[in-house]
Amino acid sequence: MARISNTKAFQKENKRYYAPITYFMITEQDDDIYFRVTRGTRLDTIAQRVYNDSSLWWIIASVNNLDLTDYCLSDDKVIRVPNPNRIDKILTDISDGQEI
């Protein structure tokens, strides 16, 4: 996966360890999209619908301060999704290590 390809790894006692992945704060914009979700709504289906790429679910999780294990959402939660027009810049800035 591209977002972890640059993750620092080290080896100790014949075991491989990875440094934690940190995500940048993605600022709120006027053109962000808001969804009121129902139980069982999955982040990957929202990413597929908005970005045409289900693998970008982690951006939605990061923007909404969700634990990356919160793959399915609960009733009546409102989530923010960055506008699809910004996604290329967000991905570039993250890979370059810049604040967004």
PDB file of N, CA and C in Angstrom:
ATOM      1  N   MET A   1       0.845  -1.176   0.000  1.00  0.00           N
ATOM      2  CA  MET A   1       0.000   0.000   0.000  1.00  0.00           C
ATOM      3  C   MET A   1       0.886   1.233   0.000  1.00  0.00           C
ATOM      4  N   ALA A   2       0.553   2.204  -0.800  1.00  0.00           N
ATOM      5  CA  ALA A   2       1.385   3.380  -0.982  1.00  0.00           C
ATOM      6  C   ALA A   2       1.568   4.182   0.293  1.00  0.00           C
ATOM      7  N   ARG A   3       0.540   4.275   1.127  1.00  0.00           N
ATOM      8  CA  ARG A   3       0.648   5.125   2.303  1.00  0.00           C
ATOM      9  C   ARG A   3       1.606   4.560   3.354  1.00  0.00           C
ATOM     10  N   ILE A   4       1.955   3.275   3.250  1.00  0.00           N
ATOM     11  CA  ILE A   4       2.893   2.711   4.211  1.00  0.00           C
ATOM     12  C   ILE A   4       4.230   2.337   3.587  1.00  0.00           C
ATOM     13  N   SER A   5       4.402   2.637   2.319  1.00  0.00           N
ATOM     14  CA  SER A   5       5.639   2.240   1.646  1.00  0.00           C
ATOM     15  C   SER A   5       6.868   2.931   2.224  1.00  0.00           C
ATOM     16  N   ASN A   6       6.697   4.116   2.786  1.00  0.00           N
ATOM     17  CA  ASN A   6       7.823   4.848   3.362  1.00  0.00           C
ATOM     18  C   ASN A   6       7.892   4.717   4.876  1.00  0.00           C
ATOM     19  N   THR A   7       7.152   3.791   5.443  1.00  0.00           N
ATOM     20  CA  THR A   7       7.150   3.599   6.880  1.00  0.00           C
ATOM     21  C   THR A   7       8.505   3.068   7.322  1.00  0.00           C
ATOM     22  N   LYS A   8       9.029   3.662   8.375  1.00  0.00           N
ATOM     23  CA  LYS A   8      10.330   3.240   8.879  1.00  0.00           C
ATOM     24  C   LYS A   8      10.216   1.875   9.526  1.00  0.00           C
ATOM     25  N   ALA A   9      11.153   1.023   9.211  1.00  0.00           N
ATOM     26  CA  ALA A   9      11.178  -0.324   9.772  1.00  0.00           C
ATOM     27  C   ALA A   9      12.557  -0.563  10.355  1.00  0.00           C
ATOM     28  N   PHE A  10      12.610  -1.390  11.383  1.00  0.00           N
ATOM     29  CA  PHE A  10      13.887  -1.783  11.947  1.00  0.00           C
ATOM     30  C   PHE A  10      13.800  -3.226  12.408  1.00  0.00           C
ATOM     31  N   GLN A  11      14.950  -3.815  12.560  1.00  0.00           N
ATOM     32  CA  GLN A  11      15.004  -5.222  12.939  1.00  0.00           C
ATOM     33  C   GLN A  11      15.755  -5.346  14.260  1.00  0.00           C
ATOM     34  N   LYS A  12      15.199  -6.172  15.145  1.00  0.00           N
ATOM     35  CA  LYS A  12      15.812  -6.411  16.439  1.00  0.00           C
ATOM     36  C   LYS A  12      15.556  -7.859  16.819  1.00  0.00           C
ATOM     37  N   GLU A  13      16.612  -8.555  17.148  1.00  0.00           N
ATOM     38  CA  GLU A  13      16.513  -9.961  17.537  1.00  0.00           C
ATOM     39  C   GLU A  13      15.732 -10.782  16.502  1.00  0.00           C
ATOM     40  N   ASN A  14      16.088 -10.609  15.253  1.00  0.00           N
ATOM     41  CA  ASN A  14      15.486 -11.339  14.130  1.00  0.00           C
ATOM     42  C   ASN A  14      13.991 -11.091  13.955  1.00  0.00           C
ATOM     43  N   LYS A  15      13.487  -9.986  14.486  1.00  0.00           N
ATOM     44  CA  LYS A  15      12.091  -9.604  14.283  1.00  0.00           C
ATOM     45  C   LYS A  15      12.054  -8.236  13.622  1.00  0.00           C
ATOM     46  N   ARG A  16      11.106  -8.042  12.730  1.00  0.00           N
ATOM     47  CA  ARG A  16      10.964  -6.776  12.023  1.00  0.00           C
ATOM     48  C   ARG A  16       9.883  -5.947  12.702  1.00  0.00           C
ATOM     49  N   TYR A  17      10.182  -4.695  12.990  1.00  0.00           N
ATOM     50  CA  TYR A  17       9.256  -3.780  13.642  1.00  0.00           C
ATOM     51  C   TYR A  17       9.038  -2.567  12.744  1.00  0.00           C
ATOM     52  N   TYR A  18       7.838  -2.007  12.804  1.00  0.00           N
ATOM     53  CA  TYR A  18       7.502  -0.823  12.018  1.00  0.00           C
ATOM     54  C   TYR A  18       7.138   0.326  12.947  1.00  0.00           C
ATOM     55  N   ALA A  19       7.559   1.513  12.565  1.00  0.00           N
ATOM     56  CA  ALA A  19       7.202   2.707  13.332  1.00  0.00           C
ATOM     57  C   ALA A  19       5.725   3.018  13.102  1.00  0.00           C
ATOM     58  N   PRO A  20       5.083   3.653  14.066  1.00  0.00           N
ATOM     59  CA  PRO A  20       3.671   3.994  13.872  1.00  0.00           C
ATOM     60  C   PRO A  20       3.484   4.959  12.711  1.00  0.00           C
ATOM     61  N   ILE A  21       2.365   4.824  12.046  1.00  0.00           N
ATOM     62  CA  ILE A  21       2.024   5.727  10.949  1.00  0.00           C
ATOM     63  C   ILE A  21       1.305   6.926  11.544  1.00  0.00           C
ATOM     64  N   THR A  22       1.759   8.111  11.187  1.00  0.00           N
ATOM     65  CA  THR A  22       1.075   9.319  11.644  1.00  0.00           C
ATOM     66  C   THR A  22       0.458  10.017  10.439  1.00  0.00           C
ATOM     67  N   TYR A  23      -0.719  10.539  10.654  1.00  0.00           N
ATOM     68  CA  TYR A  23      -1.427  11.229   9.590  1.00  0.00           C
ATOM     69  C   TYR A  23      -1.491  12.714   9.893  1.00  0.00           C
ATOM     70  N   PHE A  24      -1.528  13.503   8.855  1.00  0.00           N
ATOM     71  CA  PHE A  24      -1.597  14.940   9.012  1.00  0.00           C
ATOM     72  C   PHE A  24      -3.034  15.384   9.224  1.00  0.00           C
ATOM     73  N   MET A  25      -3.176  16.513   9.867  1.00  0.00           N
ATOM     74  CA  MET A  25      -4.483  17.114  10.047  1.00  0.00           C
ATOM     75  C   MET A  25      -4.911  17.685   8.696  1.00  0.00           C
ATOM     76  N   ILE A  26      -6.061  17.287   8.222  1.00  0.00           N
ATOM     77  CA  ILE A  26      -6.599  17.798   6.960  1.00  0.00           C
ATOM     78  C   ILE A  26      -7.631  18.859   7.322  1.00  0.00           C
ATOM     79  N   THR A  27      -7.326  20.090   6.981  1.00  0.00           N
ATOM     80  CA  THR A  27      -8.165  21.207   7.405  1.00  0.00           C
ATOM     81  C   THR A  27      -9.537  21.164   6.758  1.00  0.00           C
ATOM     82  N   GLU A  28     -10.499  21.693   7.487  1.00  0.00           N
ATOM     83  CA  GLU A  28     -11.875  21.763   6.993  1.00  0.00           C
ATOM     84  C   GLU A  28     -11.974  22.866   5.948  1.00  0.00           C
ATOM     85  N   GLN A  29     -12.703  22.587   4.878  1.00  0.00           N
ATOM     86  CA  GLN A  29     -12.914  23.558   3.804  1.00  0.00           C
ATOM     87  C   GLN A  29     -14.417  23.724   3.573  1.00  0.00           C
ATOM     88  N   ASP A  30     -14.812  24.847   2.995  1.00  0.00           N
ATOM     89  CA  ASP A  30     -16.222  25.109   2.727  1.00  0.00           C
ATOM     90  C   ASP A  30     -16.846  24.092   1.778  1.00  0.00           C
ATOM     91  N   ASP A  31     -16.035  23.501   0.913  1.00  0.00           N
ATOM     92  CA  ASP A  31     -16.588  22.567  -0.073  1.00  0.00           C
ATOM     93  C   ASP A  31     -16.553  21.105   0.383  1.00  0.00           C
ATOM     94  N   ASP A  32     -16.218  20.859   1.664  1.00  0.00           N
ATOM     95  CA  ASP A  32     -16.254  19.487   2.179  1.00  0.00           C
ATOM     96  C   ASP A  32     -17.688  18.958   2.133  1.00  0.00           C
ATOM     97  N   ILE A  33     -17.806  17.658   2.089  1.00  0.00           N
ATOM     98  CA  ILE A  33     -19.107  16.991   2.007  1.00  0.00           C
ATOM     99  C   ILE A  33     -19.397  16.367   3.366  1.00  0.00           C
ATOM    100  N   TYR A  34     -20.642  16.463   3.804  1.00  0.00           N
ATOM    101  CA  TYR A  34     -21.048  15.876   5.081  1.00  0.00           C
ATOM    102  C   TYR A  34     -22.106  14.821   4.840  1.00  0.00           C
ATOM    103  N   PHE A  35     -21.947  13.701   5.528  1.00  0.00           N
ATOM    104  CA  PHE A  35     -22.885  12.590   5.434  1.00  0.00           C
ATOM    105  C   PHE A  35     -23.425  12.268   6.821  1.00  0.00           C
ATOM    106  N   ARG A  36     -24.714  12.038   6.916  1.00  0.00           N
ATOM    107  CA  ARG A  36     -25.290  11.440   8.128  1.00  0.00           C
ATOM    108  C   ARG A  36     -25.410   9.959   7.814  1.00  0.00           C
ATOM    109  N   VAL A  37     -24.732   9.160   8.578  1.00  0.00           N
ATOM    110  CA  VAL A  37     -24.656   7.734   8.272  1.00  0.00           C
ATOM    111  C   VAL A  37     -25.566   6.922   9.180  1.00  0.00           C
ATOM    112  N   THR A  38     -25.876   5.733   8.735  1.00  0.00           N
ATOM    113  CA  THR A  38     -26.659   4.795   9.524  1.00  0.00           C
ATOM    114  C   THR A  38     -25.776   3.616   9.901  1.00  0.00           C
ATOM    115  N   ARG A  39     -26.248   2.840  10.841  1.00  0.00           N
ATOM    116  CA  ARG A  39     -25.479   1.693  11.324  1.00  0.00           C
ATOM    117  C   ARG A  39     -25.069   0.789  10.166  1.00  0.00           C
ATOM    118  N   GLY A  40     -23.821   0.399  10.176  1.00  0.00           N
ATOM    119  CA  GLY A  40     -23.316  -0.509   9.151  1.00  0.00           C
ATOM    120  C   GLY A  40     -22.719   0.190   7.946  1.00  0.00           C
ATOM    121  N   THR A  41     -22.872   1.514   7.860  1.00  0.00           N
ATOM    122  CA  THR A  41     -22.231   2.230   6.764  1.00  0.00           C
ATOM    123  C   THR A  41     -20.725   2.054   6.905  1.00  0.00           C
ATOM    124  N   ARG A  42     -20.083   1.726   5.802  1.00  0.00           N
ATOM    125  CA  ARG A  42     -18.642   1.469   5.835  1.00  0.00           C
ATOM    126  C   ARG A  42     -17.891   2.608   5.161  1.00  0.00           C
ATOM    127  N   LEU A  43     -16.720   2.894   5.691  1.00  0.00           N
ATOM    128  CA  LEU A  43     -15.901   3.970   5.141  1.00  0.00           C
ATOM    129  C   LEU A  43     -15.448   3.677   3.721  1.00  0.00           C
ATOM    130  N   ASP A  44     -15.196   2.420   3.409  1.00  0.00           N
ATOM    131  CA  ASP A  44     -14.744   2.098   2.056  1.00  0.00           C
ATOM    132  C   ASP A  44     -15.847   2.339   1.024  1.00  0.00           C
ATOM    133  N   THR A  45     -17.102   2.140   1.408  1.00  0.00           N
ATOM    134  CA  THR A  45     -18.190   2.394   0.452  1.00  0.00           C
ATOM    135  C   THR A  45     -18.374   3.892   0.226  1.00  0.00           C
ATOM    136  N   ILE A  46     -18.159   4.689   1.271  1.00  0.00           N
ATOM    137  CA  ILE A  46     -18.225   6.147   1.099  1.00  0.00           C
ATOM    138  C   ILE A  46     -17.084   6.608   0.203  1.00  0.00           C
ATOM    139  N   ALA A  47     -15.873   6.088   0.439  1.00  0.00           N
ATOM    140  CA  ALA A  47     -14.715   6.459  -0.386  1.00  0.00           C
ATOM    141  C   ALA A  47     -14.937   6.062  -1.842  1.00  0.00           C
ATOM    142  N   GLN A  48     -15.526   4.900  -2.061  1.00  0.00           N
ATOM    143  CA  GLN A  48     -15.814   4.461  -3.428  1.00  0.00           C
ATOM    144  C   GLN A  48     -16.808   5.402  -4.096  1.00  0.00           C
ATOM    145  N   ARG A  49     -17.827   5.770  -3.350  1.00  0.00           N
ATOM    146  CA  ARG A  49     -18.876   6.646  -3.889  1.00  0.00           C
ATOM    147  C   ARG A  49     -18.347   8.052  -4.210  1.00  0.00           C
ATOM    148  N   VAL A  50     -17.532   8.600  -3.300  1.00  0.00           N
ATOM    149  CA  VAL A  50     -17.062   9.980  -3.452  1.00  0.00           C
ATOM    150  C   VAL A  50     -15.803  10.067  -4.314  1.00  0.00           C
ATOM    151  N   TYR A  51     -14.837   9.175  -4.071  1.00  0.00           N
ATOM    152  CA  TYR A  51     -13.541   9.257  -4.745  1.00  0.00           C
ATOM    153  C   TYR A  51     -13.361   8.242  -5.859  1.00  0.00           C
ATOM    154  N   ASN A  52     -14.311   7.338  -5.992  1.00  0.00           N
ATOM    155  CA  ASN A  52     -14.204   6.248  -6.958  1.00  0.00           C
ATOM    156  C   ASN A  52     -12.984   5.370  -6.662  1.00  0.00           C
ATOM    157  N   ASP A  53     -12.650   5.286  -5.360  1.00  0.00           N
ATOM    158  CA  ASP A  53     -11.508   4.494  -4.924  1.00  0.00           C
ATOM    159  C   ASP A  53     -11.728   4.089  -3.463  1.00  0.00           C
ATOM    160  N   SER A  54     -12.117   2.862  -3.244  1.00  0.00           N
ATOM    161  CA  SER A  54     -12.439   2.408  -1.885  1.00  0.00           C
ATOM    162  C   SER A  54     -11.220   2.369  -0.972  1.00  0.00           C
ATOM    163  N   SER A  55     -10.027   2.314  -1.530  1.00  0.00           N
ATOM    164  CA  SER A  55      -8.823   2.237  -0.702  1.00  0.00           C
ATOM    165  C   SER A  55      -8.520   3.548   0.025  1.00  0.00           C
ATOM    166  N   LEU A  56      -9.228   4.615  -0.294  1.00  0.00           N
ATOM    167  CA  LEU A  56      -8.999   5.907   0.359  1.00  0.00           C
ATOM    168  C   LEU A  56      -9.852   6.091   1.613  1.00  0.00           C
ATOM    169  N   TRP A  57     -10.429   5.006   2.130  1.00  0.00           N
ATOM    170  CA  TRP A  57     -11.256   5.074   3.333  1.00  0.00           C
ATOM    171  C   TRP A  57     -10.491   5.652   4.514  1.00  0.00           C
ATOM    172  N   TRP A  58      -9.193   5.433   4.588  1.00  0.00           N
ATOM    173  CA  TRP A  58      -8.382   5.892   5.714  1.00  0.00           C
ATOM    174  C   TRP A  58      -8.326   7.415   5.804  1.00  0.00           C
ATOM    175  N   ILE A  59      -8.508   8.119   4.668  1.00  0.00           N
ATOM    176  CA  ILE A  59      -8.541   9.587   4.692  1.00  0.00           C
ATOM    177  C   ILE A  59      -9.779  10.046   5.448  1.00  0.00           C
ATOM    178  N   ILE A  60     -10.911   9.413   5.169  1.00  0.00           N
ATOM    179  CA  ILE A  60     -12.160   9.762   5.847  1.00  0.00           C
ATOM    180  C   ILE A  60     -12.035   9.461   7.344  1.00  0.00           C
ATOM    181  N   ALA A  61     -11.415   8.343   7.681  1.00  0.00           N
ATOM    182  CA  ALA A  61     -11.206   7.999   9.092  1.00  0.00           C
ATOM    183  C   ALA A  61     -10.321   9.043   9.770  1.00  0.00           C
ATOM    184  N   SER A  62      -9.265   9.446   9.105  1.00  0.00           N
ATOM    185  CA  SER A  62      -8.342  10.421   9.663  1.00  0.00           C
ATOM    186  C   SER A  62      -9.002  11.780   9.858  1.00  0.00           C
ATOM    187  N   VAL A  63      -9.749  12.232   8.872  1.00  0.00           N
ATOM    188  CA  VAL A  63     -10.416  13.537   8.923  1.00  0.00           C
ATOM    189  C   VAL A  63     -11.406  13.605  10.086  1.00  0.00           C
ATOM    190  N   ASN A  64     -12.046  12.490  10.380  1.00  0.00           N
ATOM    191  CA  ASN A  64     -13.071  12.457  11.413  1.00  0.00           C
ATOM    192  C   ASN A  64     -12.561  11.934  12.754  1.00  0.00           C
ATOM    193  N   ASN A  65     -11.234  11.840  12.886  1.00  0.00           N
ATOM    194  CA  ASN A  65     -10.610  11.364  14.119  1.00  0.00           C
ATOM    195  C   ASN A  65     -11.179  10.023  14.566  1.00  0.00           C
ATOM    196  N   LEU A  66     -11.404   9.151  13.611  1.00  0.00           N
ATOM    197  CA  LEU A  66     -11.895   7.815  13.914  1.00  0.00           C
ATOM    198  C   LEU A  66     -10.708   6.889  14.087  1.00  0.00           C
ATOM    199  N   ASP A  67     -10.839   5.972  14.978  1.00  0.00           N
ATOM    200  CA  ASP A  67      -9.847   4.929  15.118  1.00  0.00           C
ATOM    201  C   ASP A  67      -9.862   4.144  13.805  1.00  0.00           C
ATOM    202  N   LEU A  68      -8.718   3.756  13.318  1.00  0.00           N
ATOM    203  CA  LEU A  68      -8.678   3.057  12.038  1.00  0.00           C
ATOM    204  C   LEU A  68      -9.355   1.697  12.080  1.00  0.00           C
ATOM    205  N   THR A  69      -9.777   1.284  13.268  1.00  0.00           N
ATOM    206  CA  THR A  69     -10.553   0.050  13.366  1.00  0.00           C
ATOM    207  C   THR A  69     -12.053   0.321  13.257  1.00  0.00           C
ATOM    208  N   ASP A  70     -12.451   1.607  13.241  1.00  0.00           N
ATOM    209  CA  ASP A  70     -13.866   1.985  13.115  1.00  0.00           C
ATOM    210  C   ASP A  70     -14.288   1.922  11.657  1.00  0.00           C
ATOM    211  N   TYR A  71     -14.184   0.752  11.086  1.00  0.00           N
ATOM    212  CA  TYR A  71     -14.472   0.574   9.665  1.00  0.00           C
ATOM    213  C   TYR A  71     -15.958   0.724   9.374  1.00  0.00           C
ATOM    214  N   CYS A  72     -16.799   0.270  10.299  1.00  0.00           N
ATOM    215  CA  CYS A  72     -18.249   0.438  10.189  1.00  0.00           C
ATOM    216  C   CYS A  72     -18.681   1.491  11.198  1.00  0.00           C
ATOM    217  N   LEU A  73     -19.620   2.317  10.797  1.00  0.00           N
ATOM    218  CA  LEU A  73     -20.040   3.436  11.630  1.00  0.00           C
ATOM    219  C   LEU A  73     -21.353   3.141  12.336  1.00  0.00           C
ATOM    220  N   SER A  74     -21.659   3.948  13.329  1.00  0.00           N
ATOM    221  CA  SER A  74     -22.892   3.773  14.085  1.00  0.00           C
ATOM    222  C   SER A  74     -23.968   4.749  13.593  1.00  0.00           C
ATOM    223  N   ASP A  75     -25.179   4.563  14.088  1.00  0.00           N
ATOM    224  CA  ASP A  75     -26.317   5.383  13.680  1.00  0.00           C
ATOM    225  C   ASP A  75     -26.124   6.863  13.963  1.00  0.00           C
ATOM    226  N   ASP A  76     -26.670   7.675  13.067  1.00  0.00           N
ATOM    227  CA  ASP A  76     -26.766   9.124  13.216  1.00  0.00           C
ATOM    228  C   ASP A  76     -25.449   9.834  13.475  1.00  0.00           C
ATOM    229  N   LYS A  77     -24.374   9.290  12.989  1.00  0.00           N
ATOM    230  CA  LYS A  77     -23.085   9.974  13.068  1.00  0.00           C
ATOM    231  C   LYS A  77     -22.945  10.820  11.809  1.00  0.00           C
ATOM    232  N   VAL A  78     -22.508  12.053  11.973  1.00  0.00           N
ATOM    233  CA  VAL A  78     -22.245  12.928  10.825  1.00  0.00           C
ATOM    234  C   VAL A  78     -20.746  12.930  10.601  1.00  0.00           C
ATOM    235  N   ILE A  79     -20.351  12.604   9.388  1.00  0.00           N
ATOM    236  CA  ILE A  79     -18.926  12.577   9.081  1.00  0.00           C
ATOM    237  C   ILE A  79     -18.610  13.574   7.971  1.00  0.00           C
ATOM    238  N   ARG A  80     -17.379  14.050   8.001  1.00  0.00           N
ATOM    239  CA  ARG A  80     -16.903  15.006   6.992  1.00  0.00           C
ATOM    240  C   ARG A  80     -16.012  14.267   6.015  1.00  0.00           C
ATOM    241  N   VAL A  81     -16.209  14.559   4.733  1.00  0.00           N
ATOM    242  CA  VAL A  81     -15.417  13.953   3.674  1.00  0.00           C
ATOM    243  C   VAL A  81     -14.830  15.092   2.827  1.00  0.00           C
ATOM    244  N   PRO A  82     -13.503  15.160   2.721  1.00  0.00           N
ATOM    245  CA  PRO A  82     -12.910  16.204   1.882  1.00  0.00           C
ATOM    246  C   PRO A  82     -13.416  16.103   0.441  1.00  0.00           C
ATOM    247  N   ASN A  83     -13.623  17.245  -0.151  1.00  0.00           N
ATOM    248  CA  ASN A  83     -14.108  17.305  -1.529  1.00  0.00           C
ATOM    249  C   ASN A  83     -13.179  16.526  -2.452  1.00  0.00           C
ATOM    250  N   PRO A  84     -13.755  15.759  -3.392  1.00  0.00           N
ATOM    251  CA  PRO A  84     -12.922  14.969  -4.307  1.00  0.00           C
ATOM    252  C   PRO A  84     -11.946  15.807  -5.130  1.00  0.00           C
ATOM    253  N   ASN A  85     -12.263  17.080  -5.337  1.00  0.00           N
ATOM    254  CA  ASN A  85     -11.347  17.946  -6.088  1.00  0.00           C
ATOM    255  C   ASN A  85     -10.040  18.187  -5.335  1.00  0.00           C
ATOM    256  N   ARG A  86     -10.024  17.946  -4.031  1.00  0.00           N
ATOM    257  CA  ARG A  86      -8.831  18.168  -3.209  1.00  0.00           C
ATOM    258  C   ARG A  86      -8.013  16.905  -2.999  1.00  0.00           C
ATOM    259  N   ILE A  87      -8.534  15.754  -3.362  1.00  0.00           N
ATOM    260  CA  ILE A  87      -7.908  14.498  -2.963  1.00  0.00           C
ATOM    261  C   ILE A  87      -6.492  14.321  -3.526  1.00  0.00           C
ATOM    262  N   ASP A  88      -6.263  14.716  -4.765  1.00  0.00           N
ATOM    263  CA  ASP A  88      -4.916  14.574  -5.336  1.00  0.00           C
ATOM    264  C   ASP A  88      -3.898  15.414  -4.567  1.00  0.00           C
ATOM    265  N   LYS A  89      -4.269  16.635  -4.218  1.00  0.00           N
ATOM    266  CA  LYS A  89      -3.366  17.496  -3.454  1.00  0.00           C
ATOM    267  C   LYS A  89      -3.137  16.937  -2.058  1.00  0.00           C
ATOM    268  N   ILE A  90      -4.186  16.431  -1.431  1.00  0.00           N
ATOM    269  CA  ILE A  90      -4.039  15.833  -0.099  1.00  0.00           C
ATOM    270  C   ILE A  90      -3.059  14.676  -0.150  1.00  0.00           C
ATOM    271  N   LEU A  91      -3.217  13.789  -1.117  1.00  0.00           N
ATOM    272  CA  LEU A  91      -2.330  12.632  -1.233  1.00  0.00           C
ATOM    273  C   LEU A  91      -0.891  13.049  -1.520  1.00  0.00           C
ATOM    274  N   THR A  92      -0.713  14.044  -2.376  1.00  0.00           N
ATOM    275  CA  THR A  92       0.628  14.549  -2.685  1.00  0.00           C
ATOM    276  C   THR A  92       1.273  15.158  -1.453  1.00  0.00           C
ATOM    277  N   ASP A  93       0.511  15.978  -0.727  1.00  0.00           N
ATOM    278  CA  ASP A  93       1.055  16.634   0.462  1.00  0.00           C
ATOM    279  C   ASP A  93       1.427  15.602   1.535  1.00  0.00           C
ATOM    280  N   ILE A  94       0.613  14.585   1.696  1.00  0.00           N
ATOM    281  CA  ILE A  94       0.909  13.530   2.673  1.00  0.00           C
ATOM    282  C   ILE A  94       2.185  12.786   2.274  1.00  0.00           C
ATOM    283  N   SER A  95       2.301  12.426   1.006  1.00  0.00           N
ATOM    284  CA  SER A  95       3.488  11.682   0.576  1.00  0.00           C
ATOM    285  C   SER A  95       4.751  12.535   0.632  1.00  0.00           C
ATOM    286  N   ASP A  96       4.591  13.860   0.490  1.00  0.00           N
ATOM    287  CA  ASP A  96       5.738  14.770   0.588  1.00  0.00           C
ATOM    288  C   ASP A  96       6.054  15.149   2.028  1.00  0.00           C
ATOM    289  N   GLY A  97       5.188  14.737   2.974  1.00  0.00           N
ATOM    290  CA  GLY A  97       5.409  15.060   4.374  1.00  0.00           C
ATOM    291  C   GLY A  97       5.072  16.483   4.738  1.00  0.00           C
ATOM    292  N   GLN A  98       4.194  17.126   3.958  1.00  0.00           N
ATOM    293  CA  GLN A  98       3.820  18.520   4.226  1.00  0.00           C
ATOM    294  C   GLN A  98       2.540  18.563   5.039  1.00  0.00           C
ATOM    295  N   GLU A  99       2.395  19.649   5.809  1.00  0.00           N
ATOM    296  CA  GLU A  99       1.135  19.897   6.512  1.00  0.00           C
ATOM    297  C   GLU A  99       0.093  20.298   5.489  1.00  0.00           C
ATOM    298  N   ILE A 100      -1.149  19.886   5.724  1.00  0.00           N
ATOM    299  CA  ILE A 100      -2.227  20.163   4.769  1.00  0.00           C
ATOM    300  C   ILE A 100      -3.119  21.248   5.303  1.00  0.00           C
TER     301      ILE A 100
END
